[in-house]
Amino acid sequence: MKHKLLPLSETMHYILLALREPRHGYAVMQEIEKMSNGDVILAAGTLYGAIENLNKHGWIEPVGSSGRRRIYHITDEGREVLKTEQQRLQHILSLYEGSE
């Protein structure tokens, strides 16, 4: 799978991972902070720009709303992207093994 957004940025990775469950933007920010043990704290502008991009590419989609907040969820294509990236990263990590 070749795509101009690949390899994924750390931000995009975290957003796609967070959206394996339907969430609105603020909940995505909280989940990313939790997943990264506080190492990744996204500014709202960064998050919403990335969400717009991921939505435009069909990797996430709006699935409803909670008041004014739109709720997004990863699409099948988004899951494929994550799987491709997981395999790429596992390969890179495997290159570290035995090099100590």
Protein backbone atom coordinates (compact mmCIF):
# COMPACT_ATOMS: atom_id res chain seq x y z
CA MET A 1 0.00 0.00 0.00
CA LYS A 2 1.60 3.24 -1.17
CA HIS A 3 0.09 6.51 -0.04
CA LYS A 4 1.36 10.03 0.40
CA LEU A 5 0.51 9.94 4.14
CA LEU A 6 2.64 6.83 4.69
CA PRO A 7 4.63 6.23 6.76
CA LEU A 8 2.25 7.63 9.36
CA SER A 9 3.36 10.42 11.64
CA GLU A 10 3.27 9.68 15.35
CA THR A 11 0.19 11.90 15.64
CA MET A 12 -1.70 10.05 12.90
CA HIS A 13 -0.75 6.70 14.45
CA TYR A 14 -2.13 7.69 17.82
CA ILE A 15 -5.34 9.14 16.37
CA LEU A 16 -6.07 6.01 14.32
CA LEU A 17 -5.34 3.82 17.35
CA ALA A 18 -7.59 5.97 19.56
CA LEU A 19 -10.41 5.79 17.01
CA ARG A 20 -10.64 2.01 17.09
CA GLU A 21 -13.48 3.01 19.43
CA PRO A 22 -15.85 5.84 18.44
CA ARG A 23 -14.74 9.07 20.10
CA HIS A 24 -15.06 12.84 19.75
CA GLY A 25 -11.99 15.05 19.49
CA TYR A 26 -11.55 15.84 23.16
CA ALA A 27 -11.87 12.15 24.09
CA VAL A 28 -9.25 11.36 21.40
CA MET A 29 -6.87 13.88 23.00
CA GLN A 30 -7.40 12.29 26.43
CA GLU A 31 -6.93 8.74 25.10
CA ILE A 32 -3.70 9.68 23.29
CA GLU A 33 -2.31 11.28 26.44
CA LYS A 34 -3.17 8.06 28.34
CA MET A 35 -1.78 5.70 25.63
CA SER A 36 1.50 7.64 25.46
CA ASN A 37 1.89 7.85 29.26
CA GLY A 38 1.65 11.64 29.00
CA ASP A 39 4.43 11.94 26.40
CA VAL A 40 2.11 13.06 23.58
CA ILE A 41 -0.22 15.96 24.29
CA LEU A 42 -1.92 17.21 21.15
CA ALA A 43 -2.99 20.80 20.67
CA ALA A 44 -6.59 21.11 19.46
CA GLY A 45 -5.48 22.63 16.15
CA THR A 46 -3.09 19.74 15.46
CA LEU A 47 -5.74 17.18 16.35
CA TYR A 48 -8.52 18.70 14.26
CA GLY A 49 -6.22 19.25 11.27
CA ALA A 50 -5.19 15.59 11.41
CA ILE A 51 -8.80 14.42 11.86
CA GLU A 52 -9.79 16.45 8.80
CA ASN A 53 -6.96 14.88 6.81
CA LEU A 54 -7.77 11.32 7.94
CA ASN A 55 -11.44 11.87 7.18
CA LYS A 56 -10.64 13.26 3.72
CA HIS A 57 -8.60 10.13 2.95
CA GLY A 58 -11.39 7.84 4.15
CA TRP A 59 -9.40 6.36 7.05
CA ILE A 60 -11.88 7.63 9.65
CA GLU A 61 -15.49 8.74 9.34
CA PRO A 62 -18.04 10.64 11.40
CA VAL A 63 -20.46 8.21 13.03
CA GLY A 64 -22.65 10.59 15.00
CA SER A 65 -22.47 13.48 17.38
CA SER A 66 -22.74 14.31 21.04
CA GLY A 67 -24.14 17.80 21.26
CA ARG A 68 -21.87 19.89 19.04
CA ARG A 69 -19.08 17.29 19.14
CA ARG A 70 -18.68 15.04 16.12
CA ILE A 71 -17.84 11.43 16.89
CA TYR A 72 -15.40 9.62 14.60
CA HIS A 73 -14.47 5.99 14.10
CA ILE A 74 -11.77 4.22 12.09
CA THR A 75 -12.87 2.75 8.73
CA ASP A 76 -11.86 -0.61 7.25
CA GLU A 77 -9.34 1.24 5.09
CA GLY A 78 -7.96 2.93 8.21
CA ARG A 79 -7.55 -0.48 9.83
CA GLU A 80 -5.64 -1.68 6.75
CA VAL A 81 -3.34 1.34 7.06
CA LEU A 82 -2.67 0.52 10.73
CA LYS A 83 -1.96 -3.12 9.84
CA THR A 84 0.48 -2.07 7.10
CA GLU A 85 2.24 0.32 9.49
CA GLN A 86 2.36 -2.31 12.24
CA GLN A 87 4.09 -4.73 9.88
CA ARG A 88 6.55 -2.03 8.77
CA LEU A 89 7.40 -1.12 12.36
CA GLN A 90 7.71 -4.77 13.43
CA HIS A 91 10.19 -5.28 10.60
CA ILE A 92 12.22 -2.27 11.72
CA LEU A 93 12.16 -3.48 15.34
CA SER A 94 13.30 -6.94 14.23
CA LEU A 95 16.44 -5.31 12.81
CA TYR A 96 17.40 -4.20 16.32
CA GLU A 97 17.28 -7.73 17.68
CA GLY A 98 20.70 -9.27 18.05
CA SER A 99 22.48 -5.97 17.35
CA GLU A 100 23.20 -5.25 21.03
